[in-house]
Amino acid sequence: MTLDKHKLDGIEQITEKTLPTEKFEKLLTDVGYYRLGSAPAKGKRVKIWWRHETYRRIESIYSPDETIAITAYHIEELY
């Protein structure tokens, strides 16, 4: 649970270790990120990728029921 450990482009530093999904996703969509896709992650969690026209792509990890955002970090673009 490390949402507060990473700085995300375009978003104020998150100070909570986790956030409710609605609150976390509003932070992203308010600055222009949009959901790119999802996949299963370790521990029955869910991995979701976010894209932005200017900022780096984000990979986020959610609880198994997708109600809590656990962590999010930038990943390099794949070419």
Protein backbone atom coordinates (compact mmCIF):
# COMPACT_ATOMS: atom_id res chain seq x y z
CA MET A 1 0.00 0.00 0.00
CA THR A 2 2.19 2.72 -1.35
CA LEU A 3 0.03 5.24 -3.15
CA ASP A 4 1.83 8.00 -1.24
CA LYS A 5 5.30 6.81 -2.32
CA HIS A 6 5.06 7.82 -6.00
CA LYS A 7 4.67 11.21 -7.68
CA LEU A 8 2.31 11.09 -10.64
CA ASP A 9 2.66 13.59 -13.49
CA GLY A 10 0.05 16.34 -13.37
CA ILE A 11 -1.32 15.41 -9.92
CA GLU A 12 -0.56 16.86 -6.49
CA GLN A 13 1.41 14.46 -4.30
CA ILE A 14 -0.99 11.90 -2.82
CA THR A 15 -0.50 11.70 0.94
CA GLU A 16 -2.70 8.68 1.72
CA LYS A 17 -1.41 5.11 1.42
CA THR A 18 -4.62 4.04 -0.38
CA LEU A 19 -7.67 5.82 -1.78
CA PRO A 20 -11.20 4.81 -2.66
CA THR A 21 -11.30 4.06 -6.39
CA GLU A 22 -13.72 6.90 -7.16
CA LYS A 23 -11.47 9.50 -5.51
CA PHE A 24 -8.28 8.16 -7.14
CA GLU A 25 -9.78 7.93 -10.62
CA LYS A 26 -11.24 11.44 -10.35
CA LEU A 27 -7.72 12.77 -9.69
CA LEU A 28 -6.57 11.09 -12.91
CA THR A 29 -9.51 11.96 -15.15
CA ASP A 30 -9.63 15.57 -13.96
CA VAL A 31 -6.18 16.15 -15.53
CA GLY A 32 -6.91 14.20 -18.71
CA TYR A 33 -5.85 10.61 -18.05
CA TYR A 34 -8.04 7.91 -19.54
CA ARG A 35 -8.25 4.21 -18.87
CA LEU A 36 -6.21 2.19 -21.35
CA GLY A 37 -6.79 -1.39 -20.21
CA SER A 38 -6.67 -3.84 -17.34
CA ALA A 39 -5.37 -7.28 -16.38
CA PRO A 40 -5.20 -9.56 -13.36
CA ALA A 41 -2.34 -8.86 -10.93
CA LYS A 42 -0.72 -10.79 -8.08
CA GLY A 43 -2.89 -11.68 -5.11
CA LYS A 44 -6.13 -11.48 -7.11
CA ARG A 45 -5.63 -7.74 -7.41
CA VAL A 46 -6.39 -5.80 -10.59
CA LYS A 47 -3.89 -3.85 -12.66
CA ILE A 48 -5.16 -0.86 -14.66
CA TRP A 49 -3.19 1.25 -17.13
CA TRP A 50 -3.86 4.94 -17.68
CA ARG A 51 -2.82 7.05 -20.67
CA HIS A 52 -2.42 10.79 -21.13
CA GLU A 53 -1.59 12.77 -24.25
CA THR A 54 1.34 14.55 -22.55
CA TYR A 55 2.21 12.77 -19.30
CA ARG A 56 3.78 9.36 -18.90
CA ARG A 57 1.59 6.28 -18.73
CA ILE A 58 0.49 5.08 -15.27
CA GLU A 59 0.06 1.55 -14.00
CA SER A 60 -2.21 1.29 -10.97
CA ILE A 61 -3.03 -1.64 -8.70
CA TYR A 62 -6.46 -2.06 -7.12
CA SER A 63 -7.96 -4.36 -4.50
CA PRO A 64 -9.58 -7.55 -5.87
CA ASP A 65 -13.03 -5.91 -5.83
CA GLU A 66 -11.63 -2.71 -7.42
CA THR A 67 -12.93 -0.49 -4.59
CA ILE A 68 -9.50 0.63 -3.31
CA ALA A 69 -6.54 2.02 -5.28
CA ILE A 70 -3.46 0.53 -3.61
CA THR A 71 -0.58 1.96 -5.61
CA ALA A 72 0.20 3.75 -8.87
CA TYR A 73 3.42 4.55 -10.67
CA HIS A 74 4.71 5.59 -14.07
CA ILE A 75 5.83 3.02 -16.58
CA GLU A 76 7.88 3.65 -19.67
CA GLU A 77 6.18 3.61 -23.03
CA LEU A 78 6.69 0.40 -25.00
CA TYR A 79 7.94 0.91 -28.54
